[in-house]
């Protein structure tokens, strides 16, 4: 009988933490959720490689659970090799293990396919008995109403901007390029509103004990608007909390629901991240993004702005119907609709998605170097543009969308429409001024311009918004 005294849960990835100014956006939600399902008599450690490094000399555990996205699969393999040399048994989970099980089995002692909470008892019992199987698999879906509060206390919370909450799993849509359903399964499940409120209370308690813990919250559910009734009940429960700032992911059709928009405003929702994806109707149609209509994008932003809600618009380039004109047309549409916050990526055929299957059948997948499946590089042969045209086109669209003069005008218009007019307090001015002084030689001219304007006007944005836009401008390539 083997002892199982300590389990370490690792999120494979690259350390992106850069101090007070550069924090990782969302707290890890997978590792704390798994940790909450582990019995209290087992010591648990979490290492989120997005914000910390592994000290292989001092690391110690009986069992390691490693979860990874496809992008960081190679890092996960490296971690597994180093841990096994120290005599630690290593098990892989996460979406990459699910879609590429045979590959992962070459690097790990075992793999777990499906929701880990349903497999842990068997894994732990077999480990103790010295009879660990090579593969653990379940097709069952976890009853989310039985989940415990995630172990946020095991994270280095001061290294994140938002504390991530997950109230549900599932999405009403099944876009060809999205891997969401691979992770959450078909259908829609959710926790009780009481559970979600208790998680928020717990986060607030952690913040009260340590102000460096973010009391800003982001619901990282695939699409909280999938179940309108649940979202309505949740929003009514959130209104009394007056959360400092919070946001969520949702589909474009949320903007058509005036009652929900009113509740979002009353609950002080600040930002909704929406996958607009493309301004090309053919690209949307041929990738099963049927809910989107580019003609409505400006109207969507206007309706959200009127409620004091920012729209974070994400766009993808490289669909088979995208030609060289799409970059200029997208930039113009962004300017016309007054998008303030945008994200751009290349179409990435992640294993398990319909896009991956289609491009594989057509022989257009260039390689399987997973580190390049990062939504920035090109890993397939585009149809109507060259690889160079795709990359330079994205650079062009990003640079236009993050133009400081344009952003400042968008902010002024948003403040006018929403009536918010957020103030840049003394601490915010000091923080921006310090960033300007000590990072002067690292900032691009347009970034310096933006900081000077924000500091001088004083009432355009608060520090969080300023920091976001600084990062957007600085990262435009």
Protein backbone atom coordinates (compact mmCIF):
# COMPACT_ATOMS: atom_id res chain seq x y z
CA UNK A 1 0.00 0.00 0.00
CA UNK A 2 1.52 3.33 -1.10
CA UNK A 3 1.12 6.55 0.83
CA UNK A 4 -0.70 9.42 -0.81
CA UNK A 5 0.11 12.37 1.40
CA UNK A 6 0.57 15.14 -1.13
CA UNK A 7 -0.83 15.95 -4.58
CA UNK A 8 0.47 18.76 -6.74
CA UNK A 9 -1.77 20.22 -9.45
CA UNK A 10 0.03 21.95 -12.31
CA UNK A 11 -1.29 24.18 -15.07
CA UNK A 12 1.25 23.84 -17.87
CA UNK A 13 2.12 27.11 -19.57
CA UNK A 14 4.56 30.01 -19.87
CA UNK A 15 5.13 32.47 -17.06
CA UNK A 16 3.57 35.75 -18.23
CA UNK A 17 3.62 37.57 -14.91
CA UNK A 18 5.61 40.80 -15.05
CA UNK A 19 5.01 42.50 -11.72
CA UNK A 20 2.45 45.05 -10.59
CA UNK A 21 1.87 46.60 -14.01
CA UNK A 22 1.75 43.34 -15.96
CA UNK A 23 -0.48 40.75 -14.32
CA UNK A 24 -2.07 37.70 -15.88
CA UNK A 25 -5.69 38.49 -16.76
CA UNK A 26 -7.71 35.68 -15.15
CA UNK A 27 -6.98 33.43 -12.21
CA UNK A 28 -6.71 29.77 -13.06
CA UNK A 29 -10.07 28.08 -12.47
CA UNK A 30 -9.27 24.48 -13.42
CA UNK A 31 -6.69 23.74 -10.73
CA UNK A 32 -8.62 25.25 -7.79
CA UNK A 33 -11.75 23.39 -8.91
CA UNK A 34 -9.92 20.06 -8.98
CA UNK A 35 -8.27 20.85 -5.64
CA UNK A 36 -11.69 21.36 -4.05
CA UNK A 37 -12.63 17.79 -4.97
CA UNK A 38 -9.58 16.25 -3.24
CA UNK A 39 -10.10 14.89 0.31
CA UNK A 40 -9.00 17.12 3.18
CA UNK A 41 -6.50 14.58 4.49
CA UNK A 42 -4.30 15.04 1.40
CA UNK A 43 -1.95 18.03 1.18
CA UNK A 44 -2.45 20.01 -2.02
CA UNK A 45 -0.19 22.43 -3.87
CA UNK A 46 -1.08 24.33 -7.03
CA UNK A 47 1.46 25.62 -9.54
CA UNK A 48 0.03 27.86 -12.24
CA UNK A 49 2.83 28.16 -14.76
CA UNK A 50 1.16 31.20 -16.29
CA UNK A 51 2.38 33.21 -13.28
CA UNK A 52 5.10 31.14 -11.61
CA UNK A 53 8.00 28.80 -12.34
CA UNK A 54 8.56 25.28 -11.07
CA UNK A 55 11.44 24.80 -8.66
CA UNK A 56 12.38 21.26 -9.62
CA UNK A 57 15.02 21.01 -6.91
CA UNK A 58 12.60 21.52 -4.05
CA UNK A 59 9.37 20.19 -5.54
CA UNK A 60 7.98 17.26 -3.61
CA UNK A 61 4.78 15.25 -4.00
CA UNK A 62 3.54 11.69 -4.35
CA UNK A 63 1.33 12.43 -7.33
CA UNK A 64 1.19 15.25 -9.89
CA UNK A 65 -1.90 16.13 -11.93
CA UNK A 66 -0.93 18.18 -15.00
CA UNK A 67 -3.54 19.93 -17.10
CA UNK A 68 -2.66 21.50 -20.43
CA UNK A 69 -4.02 23.22 -23.48
CA UNK A 70 -2.68 22.15 -26.86
CA UNK A 71 -0.51 25.29 -27.08
CA UNK A 72 1.49 24.22 -24.04
CA UNK A 73 1.49 20.47 -24.60
CA UNK A 74 5.25 20.41 -25.24
CA UNK A 75 5.83 22.20 -21.94
CA UNK A 76 3.59 19.66 -20.20
CA UNK A 77 5.64 16.83 -21.68
CA UNK A 78 8.83 18.44 -20.41
CA UNK A 79 7.33 18.91 -16.94
CA UNK A 80 6.26 15.26 -16.85
CA UNK A 81 9.75 14.06 -17.75
CA UNK A 82 11.41 16.12 -15.02
CA UNK A 83 8.90 15.09 -12.36
CA UNK A 84 9.17 11.41 -13.21
CA UNK A 85 12.93 11.61 -12.76
CA UNK A 86 12.23 12.71 -9.18
CA UNK A 87 10.04 9.66 -8.63
CA UNK A 88 6.74 11.53 -8.82
CA UNK A 89 3.87 9.80 -10.61
CA UNK A 90 2.43 12.14 -13.25
CA UNK A 91 -1.06 12.09 -14.75
CA UNK A 92 -2.22 14.26 -17.65
CA UNK A 93 -5.62 15.87 -18.02
CA UNK A 94 -7.13 18.78 -19.91
CA UNK A 95 -8.24 19.27 -23.47
CA UNK A 96 -5.02 18.12 -25.14
CA UNK A 97 -5.08 14.78 -23.34
CA UNK A 98 -8.71 14.44 -24.42
CA UNK A 99 -8.05 15.04 -28.13
CA UNK A 100 -4.56 13.48 -28.37
CA UNK A 101 -4.60 10.63 -25.84
CA UNK A 102 -2.08 8.36 -27.57
CA UNK A 103 0.49 11.15 -27.78
CA UNK A 104 0.05 12.05 -24.11
CA UNK A 105 0.34 8.43 -23.00
CA UNK A 106 3.91 8.44 -24.31
CA UNK A 107 4.90 11.10 -21.79
CA UNK A 108 2.76 10.46 -18.70
CA UNK A 109 2.24 7.57 -16.32
CA UNK A 110 -1.50 7.84 -16.96
CA UNK A 111 -4.06 10.09 -18.61
CA UNK A 112 -7.47 11.22 -17.37
CA UNK A 113 -10.09 11.85 -20.04
CA UNK A 114 -13.24 13.67 -18.98
CA UNK A 115 -14.05 15.68 -15.89
CA UNK A 116 -11.37 14.97 -13.30
CA UNK A 117 -13.71 15.21 -10.31
CA UNK A 118 -15.43 12.01 -11.49
CA UNK A 119 -12.12 10.13 -11.83
CA UNK A 120 -10.13 11.13 -8.76
CA UNK A 121 -11.41 8.42 -6.41
CA UNK A 122 -10.41 5.63 -8.82
CA UNK A 123 -7.05 7.26 -9.55
CA UNK A 124 -6.20 7.70 -5.87
CA UNK A 125 -7.31 4.19 -4.90
CA UNK A 126 -5.34 2.58 -7.72
CA UNK A 127 -2.29 4.68 -6.88
CA UNK A 128 -2.39 3.56 -3.25
CA UNK A 129 -2.78 -0.07 -4.30
CA UNK A 130 0.09 0.14 -6.78
CA UNK A 131 -2.28 -0.67 -9.63
CA UNK A 132 -2.44 2.60 -11.59
CA UNK A 133 -4.05 2.16 -15.00
CA UNK A 134 -2.72 3.85 -18.13
CA UNK A 135 -6.04 5.50 -18.91
CA UNK A 136 -8.99 6.77 -16.89
CA UNK A 137 -12.02 7.87 -18.83
CA UNK A 138 -15.56 9.00 -18.20
CA UNK A 139 -18.32 10.19 -20.50
CA UNK A 140 -20.47 11.28 -17.58
CA UNK A 141 -21.11 14.94 -16.88
CA UNK A 142 -20.52 16.34 -13.43
CA UNK A 143 -23.48 17.65 -11.47
CA UNK A 144 -22.27 21.20 -10.90
CA UNK A 145 -24.65 21.72 -8.00
CA UNK A 146 -22.47 19.32 -5.98
CA UNK A 147 -19.22 21.23 -6.58
CA UNK A 148 -17.40 22.77 -3.64
CA UNK A 149 -15.97 26.29 -3.65
CA UNK A 150 -12.73 26.27 -5.69
CA UNK A 151 -9.53 26.46 -3.62
CA UNK A 152 -8.60 29.99 -4.64
CA UNK A 153 -6.52 30.21 -1.48
CA UNK A 154 -3.95 27.89 -3.09
CA UNK A 155 -3.23 30.37 -5.90
CA UNK A 156 -0.86 33.34 -5.85
CA UNK A 157 -3.85 35.63 -6.24
CA UNK A 158 -1.92 38.90 -6.25
CA UNK A 159 -0.56 38.00 -9.69
CA UNK A 160 -3.92 38.24 -11.47
CA UNK A 161 -6.20 41.09 -12.56
CA UNK A 162 -9.53 39.26 -12.37
CA UNK A 163 -10.63 36.39 -10.15
CA UNK A 164 -12.24 33.87 -12.47
CA UNK A 165 -15.58 32.29 -11.61
CA UNK A 166 -17.32 29.53 -13.52
CA UNK A 167 -21.04 29.30 -12.92
CA UNK A 168 -21.89 27.01 -15.82
CA UNK A 169 -20.63 24.73 -18.57
CA UNK A 170 -21.89 24.61 -22.12
CA UNK A 171 -22.84 26.90 -24.99
CA UNK A 172 -25.88 27.21 -27.21
CA UNK A 173 -23.67 27.30 -30.30
CA UNK A 174 -21.16 24.95 -31.89
CA UNK A 175 -18.79 27.04 -34.01
CA UNK A 176 -16.43 25.05 -36.23
CA UNK A 177 -13.24 26.61 -34.85
CA UNK A 178 -14.18 26.48 -31.15
CA UNK A 179 -13.01 23.76 -28.76
CA UNK A 180 -15.41 24.77 -25.99
CA UNK A 181 -17.72 21.77 -26.40
CA UNK A 182 -14.76 19.40 -26.28
CA UNK A 183 -14.15 20.64 -22.75
CA UNK A 184 -17.66 21.22 -21.43
CA UNK A 185 -19.63 18.66 -23.42
CA UNK A 186 -22.94 19.20 -25.16
CA UNK A 187 -25.86 20.79 -23.36
CA UNK A 188 -25.83 23.36 -20.61
CA UNK A 189 -25.25 22.83 -16.88
CA UNK A 190 -25.00 25.35 -14.10
CA UNK A 191 -24.40 25.70 -10.40
CA UNK A 192 -27.09 27.07 -8.14
CA UNK A 193 -27.19 30.83 -7.71
CA UNK A 194 -26.53 30.26 -4.01
CA UNK A 195 -23.28 28.45 -4.86
CA UNK A 196 -22.11 31.32 -7.04
CA UNK A 197 -22.94 33.89 -4.38
CA UNK A 198 -21.02 31.87 -1.79
CA UNK A 199 -17.99 31.81 -4.08
CA UNK A 200 -18.18 35.59 -4.45
CA UNK A 201 -18.42 35.97 -0.67
CA UNK A 202 -15.35 33.78 -0.30
CA UNK A 203 -13.39 35.91 -2.78
CA UNK A 204 -14.43 39.06 -0.94
CA UNK A 205 -13.27 37.52 2.35
CA UNK A 206 -9.88 36.75 0.81
CA UNK A 207 -9.68 40.34 -0.45
CA UNK A 208 -10.53 41.75 2.98
CA UNK A 209 -7.72 39.70 4.53
CA UNK A 210 -5.28 40.65 1.78
CA UNK A 211 -6.08 43.70 -0.42
CA UNK A 212 -3.65 42.42 -3.09
CA UNK A 213 -6.20 39.69 -3.86
CA UNK A 214 -8.33 41.00 -6.75
CA UNK A 215 -11.97 41.60 -5.88
CA UNK A 216 -12.61 42.09 -9.59
CA UNK A 217 -14.51 39.13 -11.02
CA UNK A 218 -14.84 37.61 -14.48
CA UNK A 219 -17.25 34.80 -15.32
CA UNK A 220 -15.25 32.59 -17.67
CA UNK A 221 -18.23 30.45 -18.69
CA UNK A 222 -18.31 29.78 -22.43
CA UNK A 223 -21.55 31.71 -22.83
CA UNK A 224 -23.60 32.75 -19.80
CA UNK A 225 -26.46 33.83 -22.06
CA UNK A 226 -27.12 30.23 -23.05
CA UNK A 227 -29.73 29.91 -20.28
CA UNK A 228 -31.52 33.23 -20.00
CA UNK A 229 -33.53 32.20 -16.96
CA UNK A 230 -30.45 31.26 -14.99
CA UNK A 231 -28.61 34.45 -16.00
CA UNK A 232 -31.61 36.57 -14.98
CA UNK A 233 -31.76 34.90 -11.57
CA UNK A 234 -28.01 35.31 -11.11
CA UNK A 235 -28.04 39.00 -12.06
CA UNK A 236 -30.83 39.75 -9.61
CA UNK A 237 -28.72 38.11 -6.90
CA UNK A 238 -25.62 40.09 -7.91
CA UNK A 239 -27.25 43.52 -7.74
CA UNK A 240 -27.00 43.91 -3.94
CA UNK A 241 -23.32 42.97 -3.92
CA UNK A 242 -22.08 46.08 -5.72
CA UNK A 243 -19.01 44.19 -6.96
CA UNK A 244 -16.03 46.47 -7.63
CA UNK A 245 -15.91 45.51 -11.30
CA UNK A 246 -16.87 42.38 -13.18
CA UNK A 247 -17.44 40.94 -16.62
CA UNK A 248 -18.47 37.85 -18.55
CA UNK A 249 -18.33 36.04 -21.87
CA UNK A 250 -21.51 36.04 -23.95
CA UNK A 251 -22.79 35.72 -27.49
CA UNK A 252 -23.90 38.72 -29.57
CA UNK A 253 -27.60 38.01 -29.03
CA UNK A 254 -27.36 39.20 -25.43
CA UNK A 255 -27.54 42.74 -26.84
CA UNK A 256 -31.07 42.06 -28.13
CA UNK A 257 -32.40 41.41 -24.63
CA UNK A 258 -33.31 44.76 -23.07
CA UNK A 259 -34.37 43.24 -19.75
CA UNK A 260 -31.03 41.44 -19.34
CA UNK A 261 -29.13 44.60 -20.32
CA UNK A 262 -31.02 46.55 -17.66
CA UNK A 263 -30.11 43.92 -15.06
CA UNK A 264 -26.48 43.93 -16.16
CA UNK A 265 -26.39 47.69 -15.69
CA UNK A 266 -27.99 47.46 -12.23
CA UNK A 267 -25.50 44.75 -11.26
CA UNK A 268 -22.61 47.01 -12.32
CA UNK A 269 -21.36 44.74 -15.10
CA UNK A 270 -18.44 46.51 -16.72
CA UNK A 271 -17.35 44.42 -19.70
CA UNK A 272 -18.65 41.64 -21.94
CA UNK A 273 -16.24 39.73 -24.13
CA UNK A 274 -17.97 38.79 -27.37
CA UNK A 275 -16.71 36.76 -30.29
CA UNK A 276 -17.60 38.95 -33.26
CA UNK A 277 -14.98 36.90 -35.17
CA UNK A 278 -15.43 38.39 -38.64
CA UNK A 279 -17.08 41.15 -40.67
CA UNK A 280 -17.28 38.74 -43.63
CA UNK A 281 -20.77 37.12 -43.73
CA UNK A 282 -19.47 34.15 -45.75
CA UNK A 283 -16.77 33.41 -43.16
CA UNK A 284 -19.37 33.46 -40.38
CA UNK A 285 -21.84 31.27 -42.27
CA UNK A 286 -19.30 28.69 -43.37
CA UNK A 287 -17.97 28.26 -39.83
CA UNK A 288 -21.38 27.84 -38.19
CA UNK A 289 -21.25 31.27 -36.52
CA UNK A 290 -24.86 31.77 -37.51
CA UNK A 291 -25.79 34.08 -34.63
CA UNK A 292 -23.52 36.90 -35.87
CA UNK A 293 -24.53 39.62 -38.32
CA UNK A 294 -21.84 42.23 -39.13
CA UNK A 295 -24.52 44.79 -40.02
CA UNK A 296 -25.57 44.76 -36.35
CA UNK A 297 -22.12 45.21 -34.78
CA UNK A 298 -22.35 49.00 -34.42
CA UNK A 299 -25.85 48.73 -32.94
CA UNK A 300 -24.62 46.12 -30.43
CA UNK A 301 -21.85 48.41 -29.20
CA UNK A 302 -24.21 51.37 -28.96
CA UNK A 303 -26.67 49.40 -26.84
CA UNK A 304 -23.95 48.16 -24.51
CA UNK A 305 -22.35 51.60 -24.23
CA UNK A 306 -25.71 53.10 -23.29
CA UNK A 307 -25.73 50.73 -20.31
CA UNK A 308 -22.17 51.61 -19.36
CA UNK A 309 -20.79 48.27 -20.57
CA UNK A 310 -17.62 47.89 -22.62
CA UNK A 311 -17.59 45.34 -25.43
CA UNK A 312 -14.37 43.39 -25.79
CA UNK A 313 -14.58 42.33 -29.41
CA UNK A 314 -12.53 39.37 -30.60
CA UNK A 315 -11.82 38.82 -34.28
CA UNK A 316 -10.27 35.93 -36.20
CA UNK A 317 -8.49 36.19 -39.54
CA UNK A 318 -7.64 33.45 -42.00
CA UNK A 319 -11.00 31.86 -42.80
CA UNK A 320 -11.26 30.33 -46.25
CA UNK A 321 -13.51 33.18 -47.39
CA UNK A 322 -11.08 35.89 -46.22
CA UNK A 323 -9.17 37.65 -48.97
CA UNK A 324 -6.66 40.51 -48.73
CA UNK A 325 -9.45 43.07 -48.35
CA UNK A 326 -10.71 41.70 -45.04
CA UNK A 327 -8.04 43.41 -42.93
CA UNK A 328 -8.80 46.94 -44.15
CA UNK A 329 -12.54 46.27 -44.06
CA UNK A 330 -12.33 44.98 -40.49
CA UNK A 331 -10.28 47.98 -39.35
CA UNK A 332 -12.82 50.32 -40.93
CA UNK A 333 -15.73 48.47 -39.31
CA UNK A 334 -14.00 48.70 -35.91
CA UNK A 335 -13.50 52.44 -36.33
CA UNK A 336 -17.07 52.94 -37.55
CA UNK A 337 -18.54 51.06 -34.58
CA UNK A 338 -16.18 52.70 -32.05
CA UNK A 339 -14.75 49.45 -30.69
CA UNK A 340 -12.44 50.37 -27.82
CA UNK A 341 -11.15 46.97 -26.82
CA UNK A 342 -10.31 44.44 -29.53
CA UNK A 343 -8.39 41.21 -29.79
CA UNK A 344 -7.10 39.66 -33.01
CA UNK A 345 -5.93 36.14 -33.75
CA UNK A 346 -5.15 33.84 -36.62
CA UNK A 347 -7.48 30.97 -37.28
CA UNK A 348 -5.97 28.08 -35.34
CA UNK A 349 -7.12 24.52 -36.14
CA UNK A 350 -6.99 23.02 -32.66
CA UNK A 351 -7.18 19.19 -32.65
CA UNK A 352 -10.70 17.95 -32.13
CA UNK A 353 -12.41 20.90 -33.83
CA UNK A 354 -14.28 20.73 -37.10
CA UNK A 355 -11.78 23.14 -38.67
CA UNK A 356 -8.94 20.77 -37.77
CA UNK A 357 -10.77 17.80 -39.29
CA UNK A 358 -11.56 19.71 -42.48
CA UNK A 359 -8.06 21.08 -42.98
CA UNK A 360 -6.53 17.69 -42.19
CA UNK A 361 -8.69 16.01 -44.83
CA UNK A 362 -7.60 18.66 -47.34
CA UNK A 363 -3.92 18.19 -46.46
CA UNK A 364 -3.54 21.81 -45.36
CA UNK A 365 -2.16 21.30 -41.86
CA UNK A 366 1.49 22.40 -42.11
CA UNK A 367 2.84 20.73 -38.96
CA UNK A 368 2.02 19.65 -35.42
CA UNK A 369 4.44 21.76 -33.46
CA UNK A 370 1.89 22.51 -30.75
CA UNK A 371 3.87 25.50 -29.40
CA UNK A 372 2.95 27.34 -32.60
CA UNK A 373 -0.79 26.61 -32.15
CA UNK A 374 -0.99 29.87 -30.22
CA UNK A 375 -3.50 31.88 -32.28
CA UNK A 376 -0.68 34.14 -33.47
CA UNK A 377 1.31 31.99 -35.91
CA UNK A 378 0.05 30.28 -39.05
CA UNK A 379 -0.02 26.48 -38.83
CA UNK A 380 -2.08 25.69 -41.93
CA UNK A 381 -2.14 26.74 -45.58
CA UNK A 382 -4.62 29.64 -45.99
CA UNK A 383 -6.87 29.52 -49.03
CA UNK A 384 -7.14 33.09 -50.36
CA UNK A 385 -4.08 34.79 -48.84
CA UNK A 386 -0.49 33.81 -48.28
CA UNK A 387 0.95 33.22 -44.81
CA UNK A 388 2.85 36.51 -45.06
CA UNK A 389 -0.28 38.42 -46.15
CA UNK A 390 -2.24 36.97 -43.23
CA UNK A 391 0.33 37.96 -40.62
CA UNK A 392 0.97 41.42 -42.05
CA UNK A 393 -2.78 41.98 -42.44
CA UNK A 394 -3.39 41.22 -38.76
CA UNK A 395 -0.56 43.59 -37.83
CA UNK A 396 -2.18 46.29 -39.94
CA UNK A 397 -5.63 45.82 -38.38
CA UNK A 398 -4.19 45.71 -34.85
CA UNK A 399 -2.18 48.88 -35.33
CA UNK A 400 -5.17 50.80 -36.66
CA UNK A 401 -7.47 49.59 -33.89
CA UNK A 402 -5.02 50.56 -31.13
CA UNK A 403 -4.24 54.02 -32.46
CA UNK A 404 -4.05 56.21 -29.29
CA UNK A 405 -5.95 59.14 -30.83
CA UNK A 406 -8.77 56.83 -31.87
CA UNK A 407 -8.88 55.14 -28.46
CA UNK A 408 -9.09 58.45 -26.64
CA UNK A 409 -11.97 59.57 -28.86
CA UNK A 410 -13.76 56.26 -28.24
CA UNK A 411 -13.33 56.69 -24.50
CA UNK A 412 -14.69 60.22 -24.60
CA UNK A 413 -17.69 59.05 -26.60
CA UNK A 414 -18.30 56.12 -24.26
CA UNK A 415 -18.18 58.41 -21.24
CA UNK A 416 -20.65 60.77 -22.91
CA UNK A 417 -23.10 58.01 -23.91
CA UNK A 418 -22.88 56.03 -20.67
CA UNK A 419 -22.74 59.01 -18.35
CA UNK A 420 -20.05 57.21 -16.35
CA UNK A 421 -17.13 59.61 -16.79
CA UNK A 422 -14.82 57.52 -14.59
CA UNK A 423 -12.21 59.50 -12.69
CA UNK A 424 -8.49 58.91 -12.71
CA UNK A 425 -7.67 59.25 -9.02
CA UNK A 426 -4.43 60.37 -7.45
CA UNK A 427 -3.16 56.80 -7.08
CA UNK A 428 -3.91 56.11 -10.72
CA UNK A 429 -2.04 59.21 -11.83
CA UNK A 430 0.94 58.29 -9.70
CA UNK A 431 0.96 54.71 -11.04
CA UNK A 432 0.84 55.90 -14.65
CA UNK A 433 3.47 58.52 -14.02
CA UNK A 434 5.80 55.95 -12.43
CA UNK A 435 5.23 53.60 -15.37
CA UNK A 436 5.97 56.47 -17.76
CA UNK A 437 9.23 57.37 -15.98
CA UNK A 438 10.66 53.93 -15.26
CA UNK A 439 9.54 52.25 -18.48
CA UNK A 440 10.12 55.27 -20.74
CA UNK A 441 12.64 53.54 -22.99
CA UNK A 442 10.45 50.46 -23.37
CA UNK A 443 7.35 52.38 -24.45
CA UNK A 444 6.59 53.16 -28.06
CA UNK A 445 5.95 56.82 -28.99
CA UNK A 446 2.20 56.23 -29.34
CA UNK A 447 2.10 54.66 -25.87
CA UNK A 448 3.87 57.66 -24.36
CA UNK A 449 1.37 59.93 -26.09
CA UNK A 450 -1.55 58.01 -24.61
CA UNK A 451 -0.13 58.14 -21.06
CA UNK A 452 0.53 61.88 -21.26
CA UNK A 453 -3.02 62.54 -22.44
CA UNK A 454 -4.60 60.34 -19.78
CA UNK A 455 -2.58 61.98 -17.00
CA UNK A 456 -3.22 65.51 -18.25
CA UNK A 457 -6.98 65.12 -18.77
CA UNK A 458 -7.42 63.18 -15.55
CA UNK A 459 -11.08 62.31 -16.00
CA UNK A 460 -10.98 60.02 -19.01
CA UNK A 461 -10.35 56.63 -17.51
CA UNK A 462 -9.34 54.99 -14.28
CA UNK A 463 -6.05 53.17 -13.86
CA UNK A 464 -7.36 49.73 -14.86
CA UNK A 465 -8.62 51.01 -18.19
CA UNK A 466 -5.47 53.01 -18.80
CA UNK A 467 -3.30 49.98 -18.05
CA UNK A 468 -5.33 47.87 -20.47
CA UNK A 469 -5.03 50.36 -23.30
CA UNK A 470 -1.33 50.86 -22.65
CA UNK A 471 -0.85 47.11 -23.00
CA UNK A 472 -2.97 47.06 -26.18
CA UNK A 473 -0.99 49.82 -27.82
CA UNK A 474 2.38 48.50 -26.65
CA UNK A 475 1.61 45.00 -27.93
CA UNK A 476 0.42 46.09 -31.37
CA UNK A 477 3.03 44.78 -33.76
